[in-house]
């Protein structure tokens, strides 16, 4: 746990303990005072005087204890809600910090590469083959920047609920073949990508959204699966809909992270020591796009290891 987060929790815990001890102290003082008042009222009555104070001390104490318990329950409820809000804000702050660190790294690498390639291209006497290679590399790094910008825009649109979809009949298998062909070159060149499914399959969906879901799931698999391993895509038809399944041969996802990996900016582990690149936006975008298409996305552990992501969509 980061030092600032631990300090915040300790401060909140100390404040909560102080409030509860103060409440207990004032409750004890109030009970004592009420007991003294009841005894004094009895003495006044015995001397022939009159008093409006109830003579039954136990009844008065029951009223005090009852009101005190109600106040204590309300106080504990407010403290609990405050703690949840603080924890949520601390998580969001940490996630945003991780996101900024990741984006900074993701931006720095292609920008430095493009700068170096342009500087090299400006030199005289370069062979035509070398110029073409540097030109292609610069374009590839520019595409990488464009993908990052698209992710940020998609995530912002998804959060604000302004994602626009254009539903039409799409040849899903044809699209997945083009997705695999592109991913094999740009997204996961060090992996074997295999596509399985019916020979032909069409569905009413948004082509760009479906392509983004597939791209992000493949990219996520490529980050964590070892080089040379297989990434499998499968299209399965069911009675009430169809599914896009992406599985890998990586280490899988711990059960403690499976509920949080779809949160915006969330990435398991420490951002400063993590080897896998990323911004924590890919799976968030996948979930939001799947929901906008009327479906859902789930993750589970493979029987022989690895992670299996299944995006389910209804028949329209």
C-alpha atoms as a PDB file:
ATOM      1  CA  UNK A   1       0.000   0.000   0.000  1.00  0.00           C
ATOM      2  CA  UNK A   2       1.430   3.445  -0.910  1.00  0.00           C
ATOM      3  CA  UNK A   3       2.593   5.622   1.983  1.00  0.00           C
ATOM      4  CA  UNK A   4       0.060   8.403   1.335  1.00  0.00           C
ATOM      5  CA  UNK A   5      -2.814   5.925   1.209  1.00  0.00           C
ATOM      6  CA  UNK A   6      -1.695   4.257   4.435  1.00  0.00           C
ATOM      7  CA  UNK A   7      -1.368   7.660   6.096  1.00  0.00           C
ATOM      8  CA  UNK A   8      -4.903   8.604   5.024  1.00  0.00           C
ATOM      9  CA  UNK A   9      -6.348   5.358   6.388  1.00  0.00           C
ATOM     10  CA  UNK A  10      -4.472   5.790   9.681  1.00  0.00           C
ATOM     11  CA  UNK A  11      -5.695   9.372  10.010  1.00  0.00           C
ATOM     12  CA  UNK A  12      -9.298   8.365   9.301  1.00  0.00           C
ATOM     13  CA  UNK A  13      -9.023   5.446  11.749  1.00  0.00           C
ATOM     14  CA  UNK A  14      -7.624   7.714  14.470  1.00  0.00           C
ATOM     15  CA  UNK A  15     -10.379  10.272  13.869  1.00  0.00           C
ATOM     16  CA  UNK A  16     -13.051   7.555  13.990  1.00  0.00           C
ATOM     17  CA  UNK A  17     -11.640   6.157  17.229  1.00  0.00           C
ATOM     18  CA  UNK A  18     -11.554   9.648  18.755  1.00  0.00           C
ATOM     19  CA  UNK A  19     -15.198  10.303  17.792  1.00  0.00           C
ATOM     20  CA  UNK A  20     -16.346   6.974  19.248  1.00  0.00           C
ATOM     21  CA  UNK A  21     -14.398   7.497  22.481  1.00  0.00           C
ATOM     22  CA  UNK A  22     -15.835  11.000  22.818  1.00  0.00           C
ATOM     23  CA  UNK A  23     -19.320   9.626  22.214  1.00  0.00           C
ATOM     24  CA  UNK A  24     -18.771   6.967  24.891  1.00  0.00           C
ATOM     25  CA  UNK A  25     -17.389   9.510  27.341  1.00  0.00           C
ATOM     26  CA  UNK A  26     -20.317  11.894  26.895  1.00  0.00           C
ATOM     27  CA  UNK A  27     -22.761   8.989  27.175  1.00  0.00           C
ATOM     28  CA  UNK A  28     -21.224   7.975  30.510  1.00  0.00           C
ATOM     29  CA  UNK A  29     -21.337  11.560  31.771  1.00  0.00           C
ATOM     30  CA  UNK A  30     -24.956  11.924  30.682  1.00  0.00           C
ATOM     31  CA  UNK A  31     -25.996   8.693  32.413  1.00  0.00           C
ATOM     32  CA  UNK A  32     -24.219   9.759  35.601  1.00  0.00           C
ATOM     33  CA  UNK A  33     -25.810  13.172  35.489  1.00  0.00           C
ATOM     34  CA  UNK A  34     -29.252  11.680  34.897  1.00  0.00           C
ATOM     35  CA  UNK A  35     -28.777   9.298  37.842  1.00  0.00           C
ATOM     36  CA  UNK A  36     -27.751  12.191  40.073  1.00  0.00           C
ATOM     37  CA  UNK A  37     -30.790  14.203  38.965  1.00  0.00           C
ATOM     38  CA  UNK A  38     -33.111  11.293  39.703  1.00  0.00           C
ATOM     39  CA  UNK A  39     -31.641  10.842  43.199  1.00  0.00           C
ATOM     40  CA  UNK A  40     -31.902  14.571  43.832  1.00  0.00           C
ATOM     41  CA  UNK A  41     -35.547  14.532  42.727  1.00  0.00           C
ATOM     42  CA  UNK A  42     -36.246  11.691  45.174  1.00  0.00           C
ATOM     43  CA  UNK A  43     -34.635  13.688  48.007  1.00  0.00           C
ATOM     44  CA  UNK A  44     -36.658  16.804  47.127  1.00  0.00           C
ATOM     45  CA  UNK A  45     -39.834  14.723  47.075  1.00  0.00           C
ATOM     46  CA  UNK A  46     -38.981  13.200  50.449  1.00  0.00           C
ATOM     47  CA  UNK A  47     -38.571  16.668  51.948  1.00  0.00           C
ATOM     48  CA  UNK A  48     -42.060  17.597  50.754  1.00  0.00           C
ATOM     49  CA  UNK A  49     -41.044  19.557  47.724  1.00  0.00           C
ATOM     50  CA  UNK A  50     -42.190  19.154  44.140  1.00  0.00           C
ATOM     51  CA  UNK A  51     -40.208  18.468  40.966  1.00  0.00           C
ATOM     52  CA  UNK A  52     -40.976  17.809  37.320  1.00  0.00           C
ATOM     53  CA  UNK A  53     -38.067  15.415  36.964  1.00  0.00           C
ATOM     54  CA  UNK A  54     -39.119  11.729  36.729  1.00  0.00           C
ATOM     55  CA  UNK A  55     -38.351   9.776  39.868  1.00  0.00           C
ATOM     56  CA  UNK A  56     -37.778   6.494  37.978  1.00  0.00           C
ATOM     57  CA  UNK A  57     -34.042   6.585  37.126  1.00  0.00           C
ATOM     58  CA  UNK A  58     -34.184   3.353  35.130  1.00  0.00           C
ATOM     59  CA  UNK A  59     -36.852   4.751  32.818  1.00  0.00           C
ATOM     60  CA  UNK A  60     -34.802   7.873  32.157  1.00  0.00           C
ATOM     61  CA  UNK A  61     -31.711   5.803  31.499  1.00  0.00           C
ATOM     62  CA  UNK A  62     -33.604   3.625  29.025  1.00  0.00           C
ATOM     63  CA  UNK A  63     -34.615   6.742  27.140  1.00  0.00           C
ATOM     64  CA  UNK A  64     -31.036   8.019  27.107  1.00  0.00           C
ATOM     65  CA  UNK A  65     -29.623   4.659  26.026  1.00  0.00           C
ATOM     66  CA  UNK A  66     -32.264   4.304  23.284  1.00  0.00           C
ATOM     67  CA  UNK A  67     -31.601   7.756  21.864  1.00  0.00           C
ATOM     68  CA  UNK A  68     -27.869   7.166  22.191  1.00  0.00           C
ATOM     69  CA  UNK A  69     -28.064   3.911  20.243  1.00  0.00           C
ATOM     70  CA  UNK A  70     -30.008   5.592  17.445  1.00  0.00           C
ATOM     71  CA  UNK A  71     -27.419   8.354  17.277  1.00  0.00           C
ATOM     72  CA  UNK A  72     -24.588   5.801  17.390  1.00  0.00           C
ATOM     73  CA  UNK A  73     -26.098   3.817  14.501  1.00  0.00           C
ATOM     74  CA  UNK A  74     -26.462   6.985  12.424  1.00  0.00           C
ATOM     75  CA  UNK A  75     -22.905   8.008  13.313  1.00  0.00           C
ATOM     76  CA  UNK A  76     -21.474   4.613  12.352  1.00  0.00           C
ATOM     77  CA  UNK A  77     -23.452   4.698   9.105  1.00  0.00           C
ATOM     78  CA  UNK A  78     -22.052   8.103   8.193  1.00  0.00           C
ATOM     79  CA  UNK A  79     -18.525   6.996   9.092  1.00  0.00           C
ATOM     80  CA  UNK A  80     -18.922   3.897   6.927  1.00  0.00           C
ATOM     81  CA  UNK A  81     -20.176   5.909   3.947  1.00  0.00           C
ATOM     82  CA  UNK A  82     -17.346   8.397   4.430  1.00  0.00           C
ATOM     83  CA  UNK A  83     -14.801   5.577   4.527  1.00  0.00           C
ATOM     84  CA  UNK A  84     -16.200   4.073   1.312  1.00  0.00           C
ATOM     85  CA  UNK A  85     -16.029   7.479  -0.394  1.00  0.00           C
ATOM     86  CA  UNK A  86     -12.436   7.996   0.754  1.00  0.00           C
ATOM     87  CA  UNK A  87     -11.429   4.518  -0.411  1.00  0.00           C
ATOM     88  CA  UNK A  88     -13.098   5.064  -3.791  1.00  0.00           C
ATOM     89  CA  UNK A  89     -11.339   8.416  -4.253  1.00  0.00           C
ATOM     90  CA  UNK A  90      -7.981   6.937  -3.256  1.00  0.00           C
ATOM     91  CA  UNK A  91      -8.429   4.109  -5.761  1.00  0.00           C
ATOM     92  CA  UNK A  92      -9.388   6.571  -8.489  1.00  0.00           C
ATOM     93  CA  UNK A  93      -6.411   8.775  -7.669  1.00  0.00           C
ATOM     94  CA  UNK A  94      -4.060   5.816  -7.792  1.00  0.00           C
ATOM     95  CA  UNK A  95      -5.591   4.608 -11.066  1.00  0.00           C
ATOM     96  CA  UNK A  96      -5.281   8.058 -12.626  1.00  0.00           C
ATOM     97  CA  UNK A  97      -1.658   8.260 -11.489  1.00  0.00           C
ATOM     98  CA  UNK A  98      -0.973   4.870 -13.063  1.00  0.00           C
ATOM     99  CA  UNK A  99      -2.753   6.007 -16.220  1.00  0.00           C
ATOM    100  CA  UNK A 100      -0.644   9.164 -16.503  1.00  0.00           C
ATOM    101  CA  UNK A 101       2.543   7.146 -15.996  1.00  0.00           C
ATOM    102  CA  UNK A 102       1.457   4.603 -18.609  1.00  0.00           C
ATOM    103  CA  UNK A 103       0.364   7.220 -21.144  1.00  0.00           C
ATOM    104  CA  UNK A 104       3.606   9.135 -20.641  1.00  0.00           C
ATOM    105  CA  UNK A 105       5.558   5.981 -21.385  1.00  0.00           C
ATOM    106  CA  UNK A 106       3.342   5.053 -24.325  1.00  0.00           C
ATOM    107  CA  UNK A 107       3.730   8.527 -25.836  1.00  0.00           C
ATOM    108  CA  UNK A 108       7.441   8.897 -25.173  1.00  0.00           C
ATOM    109  CA  UNK A 109       8.487   5.749 -27.026  1.00  0.00           C
ATOM    110  CA  UNK A 110       6.851   6.380 -30.443  1.00  0.00           C
ATOM    111  CA  UNK A 111       7.610  10.110 -30.344  1.00  0.00           C
ATOM    112  CA  UNK A 112      11.289   9.415 -29.706  1.00  0.00           C
ATOM    113  CA  UNK A 113      11.305   6.777 -32.448  1.00  0.00           C
ATOM    114  CA  UNK A 114       9.641   9.085 -34.997  1.00  0.00           C
ATOM    115  CA  UNK A 115      12.072  11.884 -34.140  1.00  0.00           C
ATOM    116  CA  UNK A 116      15.053   9.581 -34.593  1.00  0.00           C
ATOM    117  CA  UNK A 117      13.722   8.217 -37.891  1.00  0.00           C
ATOM    118  CA  UNK A 118      13.053  11.696 -39.282  1.00  0.00           C
ATOM    119  CA  UNK A 119      16.515  12.835 -38.254  1.00  0.00           C
ATOM    120  CA  UNK A 120      18.005   9.821 -39.983  1.00  0.00           C
ATOM    121  CA  UNK A 121      15.918  10.427 -43.109  1.00  0.00           C
ATOM    122  CA  UNK A 122      17.273  13.984 -43.344  1.00  0.00           C
ATOM    123  CA  UNK A 123      20.797  12.680 -43.800  1.00  0.00           C
ATOM    124  CA  UNK A 124      22.254  12.572 -47.269  1.00  0.00           C
ATOM    125  CA  UNK A 125      23.490   9.437 -48.942  1.00  0.00           C
ATOM    126  CA  UNK A 126      20.930   7.019 -47.527  1.00  0.00           C
ATOM    127  CA  UNK A 127      20.115   4.049 -49.707  1.00  0.00           C
ATOM    128  CA  UNK A 128      16.583   3.852 -51.095  1.00  0.00           C
ATOM    129  CA  UNK A 129      15.931   0.621 -49.204  1.00  0.00           C
ATOM    130  CA  UNK A 130      16.955   2.195 -45.916  1.00  0.00           C
ATOM    131  CA  UNK A 131      14.801   5.253 -46.593  1.00  0.00           C
ATOM    132  CA  UNK A 132      11.771   3.039 -47.253  1.00  0.00           C
ATOM    133  CA  UNK A 133      12.404   1.086 -44.065  1.00  0.00           C
ATOM    134  CA  UNK A 134      12.653   4.232 -41.947  1.00  0.00           C
ATOM    135  CA  UNK A 135       9.554   5.634 -43.636  1.00  0.00           C
ATOM    136  CA  UNK A 136       7.569   2.480 -42.826  1.00  0.00           C
ATOM    137  CA  UNK A 137       8.791   2.485 -39.231  1.00  0.00           C
ATOM    138  CA  UNK A 138       7.765   6.118 -38.771  1.00  0.00           C
ATOM    139  CA  UNK A 139       4.304   5.343 -40.158  1.00  0.00           C
ATOM    140  CA  UNK A 140       4.009   2.389 -37.792  1.00  0.00           C
ATOM    141  CA  UNK A 141       4.879   4.567 -34.787  1.00  0.00           C
ATOM    142  CA  UNK A 142       2.404   7.218 -35.970  1.00  0.00           C
ATOM    143  CA  UNK A 143      -0.278   4.507 -36.165  1.00  0.00           C
ATOM    144  CA  UNK A 144       0.597   3.569 -32.601  1.00  0.00           C
ATOM    145  CA  UNK A 145       0.013   7.157 -31.492  1.00  0.00           C
ATOM    146  CA  UNK A 146      -3.280   7.240 -33.392  1.00  0.00           C
ATOM    147  CA  UNK A 147      -4.460   4.057 -31.645  1.00  0.00           C
ATOM    148  CA  UNK A 148      -3.620   5.548 -28.250  1.00  0.00           C
ATOM    149  CA  UNK A 149      -5.509   8.747 -29.057  1.00  0.00           C
ATOM    150  CA  UNK A 150      -8.483   6.705 -30.275  1.00  0.00           C
ATOM    151  CA  UNK A 151      -8.520   4.745 -27.019  1.00  0.00           C
ATOM    152  CA  UNK A 152      -8.579   7.891 -24.916  1.00  0.00           C
ATOM    153  CA  UNK A 153     -11.387   9.377 -27.026  1.00  0.00           C
ATOM    154  CA  UNK A 154     -13.377   6.144 -26.901  1.00  0.00           C
ATOM    155  CA  UNK A 155     -12.984   5.890 -23.136  1.00  0.00           C
ATOM    156  CA  UNK A 156     -14.106   9.513 -22.693  1.00  0.00           C
ATOM    157  CA  UNK A 157     -17.123   8.998 -24.959  1.00  0.00           C
ATOM    158  CA  UNK A 158     -18.042   5.787 -23.139  1.00  0.00           C
ATOM    159  CA  UNK A 159     -17.850   7.486 -19.755  1.00  0.00           C
ATOM    160  CA  UNK A 160     -20.050  10.383 -20.883  1.00  0.00           C
ATOM    161  CA  UNK A 161     -22.536   8.031 -22.571  1.00  0.00           C
ATOM    162  CA  UNK A 162     -22.233   9.618 -26.013  1.00  0.00           C
ATOM    163  CA  UNK A 163     -21.054   6.590 -27.956  1.00  0.00           C
ATOM    164  CA  UNK A 164     -22.845   6.596 -31.279  1.00  0.00           C
ATOM    165  CA  UNK A 165     -23.491   3.273 -32.989  1.00  0.00           C
ATOM    166  CA  UNK A 166     -24.509   2.455 -36.535  1.00  0.00           C
ATOM    167  CA  UNK A 167     -26.198  -0.920 -36.531  1.00  0.00           C
ATOM    168  CA  UNK A 168     -26.220  -2.854 -39.782  1.00  0.00           C
ATOM    169  CA  UNK A 169     -25.715  -6.386 -41.046  1.00  0.00           C
ATOM    170  CA  UNK A 170     -22.027  -7.254 -40.761  1.00  0.00           C
ATOM    171  CA  UNK A 171     -20.254 -10.353 -42.044  1.00  0.00           C
ATOM    172  CA  UNK A 172     -18.671 -11.180 -38.680  1.00  0.00           C
ATOM    173  CA  UNK A 173     -16.372 -13.932 -39.927  1.00  0.00           C
ATOM    174  CA  UNK A 174     -15.061 -11.813 -42.768  1.00  0.00           C
ATOM    175  CA  UNK A 175     -14.392  -8.991 -40.336  1.00  0.00           C
ATOM    176  CA  UNK A 176     -12.628 -11.306 -37.873  1.00  0.00           C
ATOM    177  CA  UNK A 177     -10.388 -12.588 -40.671  1.00  0.00           C
ATOM    178  CA  UNK A 178      -9.326  -9.015 -41.445  1.00  0.00           C
ATOM    179  CA  UNK A 179      -8.880  -8.336 -37.709  1.00  0.00           C
ATOM    180  CA  UNK A 180      -6.597 -11.355 -37.367  1.00  0.00           C
ATOM    181  CA  UNK A 181      -4.610 -10.399 -40.467  1.00  0.00           C
ATOM    182  CA  UNK A 182      -4.020  -6.870 -39.166  1.00  0.00           C
ATOM    183  CA  UNK A 183      -3.335  -7.983 -35.576  1.00  0.00           C
ATOM    184  CA  UNK A 184      -0.776 -10.523 -36.742  1.00  0.00           C
ATOM    185  CA  UNK A 185       1.265  -7.657 -38.215  1.00  0.00           C
ATOM    186  CA  UNK A 186       0.583  -4.691 -35.917  1.00  0.00           C
ATOM    187  CA  UNK A 187      -0.834  -5.822 -32.563  1.00  0.00           C
ATOM    188  CA  UNK A 188       0.638  -9.255 -31.859  1.00  0.00           C
ATOM    189  CA  UNK A 189       3.439  -9.969 -34.351  1.00  0.00           C
ATOM    190  CA  UNK A 190       5.167 -12.282 -31.885  1.00  0.00           C
ATOM    191  CA  UNK A 191       2.170 -14.583 -31.408  1.00  0.00           C
ATOM    192  CA  UNK A 192       0.200 -17.087 -33.440  1.00  0.00           C
ATOM    193  CA  UNK A 193      -3.380 -15.911 -33.865  1.00  0.00           C
ATOM    194  CA  UNK A 194      -5.928 -18.593 -34.731  1.00  0.00           C
ATOM    195  CA  UNK A 195      -9.533 -17.969 -35.785  1.00  0.00           C
ATOM    196  CA  UNK A 196     -12.266 -20.568 -35.354  1.00  0.00           C
ATOM    197  CA  UNK A 197     -15.956 -20.377 -36.177  1.00  0.00           C
ATOM    198  CA  UNK A 198     -18.569 -20.996 -38.839  1.00  0.00           C
ATOM    199  CA  UNK A 199     -17.641 -20.432 -42.448  1.00  0.00           C
ATOM    200  CA  UNK A 200     -20.133 -17.610 -42.720  1.00  0.00           C
ATOM    201  CA  UNK A 201     -21.944 -15.675 -40.039  1.00  0.00           C
ATOM    202  CA  UNK A 202     -23.696 -12.301 -40.184  1.00  0.00           C
ATOM    203  CA  UNK A 203     -25.084 -10.238 -37.330  1.00  0.00           C
ATOM    204  CA  UNK A 204     -26.758  -6.880 -36.815  1.00  0.00           C
ATOM    205  CA  UNK A 205     -24.058  -4.877 -35.043  1.00  0.00           C
ATOM    206  CA  UNK A 206     -21.773  -1.878 -35.283  1.00  0.00           C
ATOM    207  CA  UNK A 207     -18.715  -2.801 -37.341  1.00  0.00           C
ATOM    208  CA  UNK A 208     -16.343  -0.286 -35.756  1.00  0.00           C
ATOM    209  CA  UNK A 209     -17.384  -1.173 -32.211  1.00  0.00           C
ATOM    210  CA  UNK A 210     -17.015  -4.912 -32.859  1.00  0.00           C
ATOM    211  CA  UNK A 211     -13.608  -4.400 -34.446  1.00  0.00           C
ATOM    212  CA  UNK A 212     -12.489  -2.325 -31.447  1.00  0.00           C
ATOM    213  CA  UNK A 213     -13.632  -5.052 -29.041  1.00  0.00           C
ATOM    214  CA  UNK A 214     -11.675  -7.703 -30.921  1.00  0.00           C
ATOM    215  CA  UNK A 215      -8.568  -5.503 -31.271  1.00  0.00           C
ATOM    216  CA  UNK A 216      -8.478  -4.660 -27.570  1.00  0.00           C
ATOM    217  CA  UNK A 217      -8.983  -8.260 -26.472  1.00  0.00           C
ATOM    218  CA  UNK A 218      -6.181  -9.433 -28.777  1.00  0.00           C
ATOM    219  CA  UNK A 219      -3.917  -6.639 -27.568  1.00  0.00           C
ATOM    220  CA  UNK A 220      -4.628  -7.548 -23.955  1.00  0.00           C
ATOM    221  CA  UNK A 221      -3.790 -11.189 -24.625  1.00  0.00           C
ATOM    222  CA  UNK A 222      -0.578 -10.270 -26.442  1.00  0.00           C
ATOM    223  CA  UNK A 223       0.633  -8.160 -23.502  1.00  0.00           C
ATOM    224  CA  UNK A 224       0.652 -11.015 -21.021  1.00  0.00           C
ATOM    225  CA  UNK A 225       0.989 -14.207 -23.063  1.00  0.00           C
ATOM    226  CA  UNK A 226       4.583 -15.336 -23.730  1.00  0.00           C
ATOM    227  CA  UNK A 227       6.080 -14.702 -27.166  1.00  0.00           C
ATOM    228  CA  UNK A 228       5.388 -17.470 -29.645  1.00  0.00           C
ATOM    229  CA  UNK A 229       2.267 -18.656 -27.830  1.00  0.00           C
ATOM    230  CA  UNK A 230      -1.158 -18.926 -29.395  1.00  0.00           C
ATOM    231  CA  UNK A 231      -4.016 -16.443 -29.157  1.00  0.00           C
ATOM    232  CA  UNK A 232      -7.338 -17.999 -30.127  1.00  0.00           C
ATOM    233  CA  UNK A 233     -10.383 -16.190 -31.474  1.00  0.00           C
ATOM    234  CA  UNK A 234     -13.655 -18.036 -31.772  1.00  0.00           C
ATOM    235  CA  UNK A 235     -17.145 -17.108 -32.909  1.00  0.00           C
ATOM    236  CA  UNK A 236     -19.854 -19.263 -31.346  1.00  0.00           C
ATOM    237  CA  UNK A 237     -23.544 -19.144 -32.193  1.00  0.00           C
ATOM    238  CA  UNK A 238     -26.163 -19.955 -29.567  1.00  0.00           C
ATOM    239  CA  UNK A 239     -29.919 -20.110 -29.268  1.00  0.00           C
ATOM    240  CA  UNK A 240     -30.246 -16.607 -27.826  1.00  0.00           C
ATOM    241  CA  UNK A 241     -27.234 -14.896 -29.319  1.00  0.00           C
ATOM    242  CA  UNK A 242     -23.598 -15.303 -30.233  1.00  0.00           C
ATOM    243  CA  UNK A 243     -20.210 -14.872 -28.583  1.00  0.00           C
ATOM    244  CA  UNK A 244     -16.740 -13.628 -29.439  1.00  0.00           C
ATOM    245  CA  UNK A 245     -14.207 -15.586 -27.358  1.00  0.00           C
ATOM    246  CA  UNK A 246     -10.534 -14.646 -27.055  1.00  0.00           C
ATOM    247  CA  UNK A 247      -8.228 -16.942 -25.093  1.00  0.00           C
ATOM    248  CA  UNK A 248      -4.483 -16.964 -24.519  1.00  0.00           C
ATOM    249  CA  UNK A 249      -1.749 -19.085 -22.969  1.00  0.00           C
ATOM    250  CA  UNK A 250      -0.539 -16.492 -20.475  1.00  0.00           C
ATOM    251  CA  UNK A 251      -0.500 -16.575 -16.676  1.00  0.00           C
ATOM    252  CA  UNK A 252      -4.205 -15.821 -16.422  1.00  0.00           C
ATOM    253  CA  UNK A 253      -5.900 -13.289 -14.157  1.00  0.00           C
ATOM    254  CA  UNK A 254      -5.991 -13.713 -10.363  1.00  0.00           C
ATOM    255  CA  UNK A 255      -9.522 -13.999  -8.932  1.00  0.00           C
ATOM    256  CA  UNK A 256      -8.883 -10.846  -6.887  1.00  0.00           C
ATOM    257  CA  UNK A 257      -8.391  -8.854 -10.117  1.00  0.00           C
ATOM    258  CA  UNK A 258     -11.164 -10.391 -12.216  1.00  0.00           C
ATOM    259  CA  UNK A 259     -13.803  -8.058 -10.763  1.00  0.00           C
ATOM    260  CA  UNK A 260     -11.718  -4.915 -11.286  1.00  0.00           C
ATOM    261  CA  UNK A 261      -9.968  -5.355 -14.624  1.00  0.00           C
ATOM    262  CA  UNK A 262     -12.871  -3.687 -16.445  1.00  0.00           C
ATOM    263  CA  UNK A 263     -12.589  -0.528 -14.354  1.00  0.00           C
ATOM    264  CA  UNK A 264     -11.261   2.564 -16.052  1.00  0.00           C
ATOM    265  CA  UNK A 265      -7.472   2.964 -15.642  1.00  0.00           C
ATOM    266  CA  UNK A 266      -7.193  -0.205 -13.545  1.00  0.00           C
ATOM    267  CA  UNK A 267      -4.147  -2.385 -14.072  1.00  0.00           C
ATOM    268  CA  UNK A 268      -2.987  -5.098 -11.720  1.00  0.00           C
ATOM    269  CA  UNK A 269       0.388  -4.761 -10.060  1.00  0.00           C
ATOM    270  CA  UNK A 270       2.682  -1.775  -9.633  1.00  0.00           C
ATOM    271  CA  UNK A 271       2.926   0.667 -12.544  1.00  0.00           C
ATOM    272  CA  UNK A 272       6.562   1.468 -11.723  1.00  0.00           C
ATOM    273  CA  UNK A 273       7.706  -2.156 -11.976  1.00  0.00           C
ATOM    274  CA  UNK A 274       5.230  -3.551 -14.526  1.00  0.00           C
ATOM    275  CA  UNK A 275       6.746  -4.888 -17.726  1.00  0.00           C
ATOM    276  CA  UNK A 276       3.571  -5.090 -19.825  1.00  0.00           C
ATOM    277  CA  UNK A 277       2.676  -1.860 -21.613  1.00  0.00           C
ATOM    278  CA  UNK A 278      -0.777  -0.359 -21.564  1.00  0.00           C
ATOM    279  CA  UNK A 279      -3.010   2.404 -20.256  1.00  0.00           C
ATOM    280  CA  UNK A 280      -5.727   0.517 -18.401  1.00  0.00           C
ATOM    281  CA  UNK A 281      -8.342   1.584 -20.967  1.00  0.00           C
ATOM    282  CA  UNK A 282      -8.608  -1.434 -23.282  1.00  0.00           C
ATOM    283  CA  UNK A 283     -10.826  -3.709 -21.182  1.00  0.00           C
ATOM    284  CA  UNK A 284     -12.865  -0.735 -19.963  1.00  0.00           C
ATOM    285  CA  UNK A 285     -13.612   0.124 -23.605  1.00  0.00           C
ATOM    286  CA  UNK A 286     -14.444  -3.528 -24.347  1.00  0.00           C
ATOM    287  CA  UNK A 287     -16.994  -3.653 -21.539  1.00  0.00           C
ATOM    288  CA  UNK A 288     -18.635  -0.347 -22.436  1.00  0.00           C
ATOM    289  CA  UNK A 289     -18.879  -1.187 -26.146  1.00  0.00           C
ATOM    290  CA  UNK A 290     -20.286  -4.639 -25.387  1.00  0.00           C
ATOM    291  CA  UNK A 291     -22.923  -3.067 -23.139  1.00  0.00           C
ATOM    292  CA  UNK A 292     -23.833  -0.504 -25.809  1.00  0.00           C
ATOM    293  CA  UNK A 293     -24.355  -3.399 -28.215  1.00  0.00           C
ATOM    294  CA  UNK A 294     -26.740  -4.984 -25.725  1.00  0.00           C
ATOM    295  CA  UNK A 295     -24.284  -7.609 -24.527  1.00  0.00           C
ATOM    296  CA  UNK A 296     -21.746  -8.229 -21.791  1.00  0.00           C
ATOM    297  CA  UNK A 297     -18.179  -9.408 -21.364  1.00  0.00           C
ATOM    298  CA  UNK A 298     -16.881 -11.906 -18.807  1.00  0.00           C
ATOM    299  CA  UNK A 299     -13.496 -13.398 -17.965  1.00  0.00           C
ATOM    300  CA  UNK A 300     -12.545 -16.764 -16.533  1.00  0.00           C
ATOM    301  CA  UNK A 301      -9.471 -18.857 -16.020  1.00  0.00           C
ATOM    302  CA  UNK A 302      -8.635 -21.492 -18.622  1.00  0.00           C
ATOM    303  CA  UNK A 303      -8.481 -25.119 -17.530  1.00  0.00           C
ATOM    304  CA  UNK A 304      -4.813 -25.328 -18.551  1.00  0.00           C
ATOM    305  CA  UNK A 305      -3.960 -21.714 -17.691  1.00  0.00           C
ATOM    306  CA  UNK A 306      -4.397 -18.441 -19.475  1.00  0.00           C
ATOM    307  CA  UNK A 307      -7.369 -16.104 -19.557  1.00  0.00           C
ATOM    308  CA  UNK A 308     -10.584 -16.529 -21.529  1.00  0.00           C
ATOM    309  CA  UNK A 309     -12.622 -13.433 -22.390  1.00  0.00           C
ATOM    310  CA  UNK A 310     -16.126 -13.973 -23.735  1.00  0.00           C
ATOM    311  CA  UNK A 311     -18.121 -11.068 -25.199  1.00  0.00           C
ATOM    312  CA  UNK A 312     -21.777 -12.104 -25.584  1.00  0.00           C
ATOM    313  CA  UNK A 313     -24.228 -10.391 -27.910  1.00  0.00           C
ATOM    314  CA  UNK A 314     -27.965 -10.920 -28.426  1.00  0.00           C
ATOM    315  CA  UNK A 315     -29.669 -11.786 -31.697  1.00  0.00           C
ATOM    316  CA  UNK A 316     -31.441  -8.742 -33.049  1.00  0.00           C
END
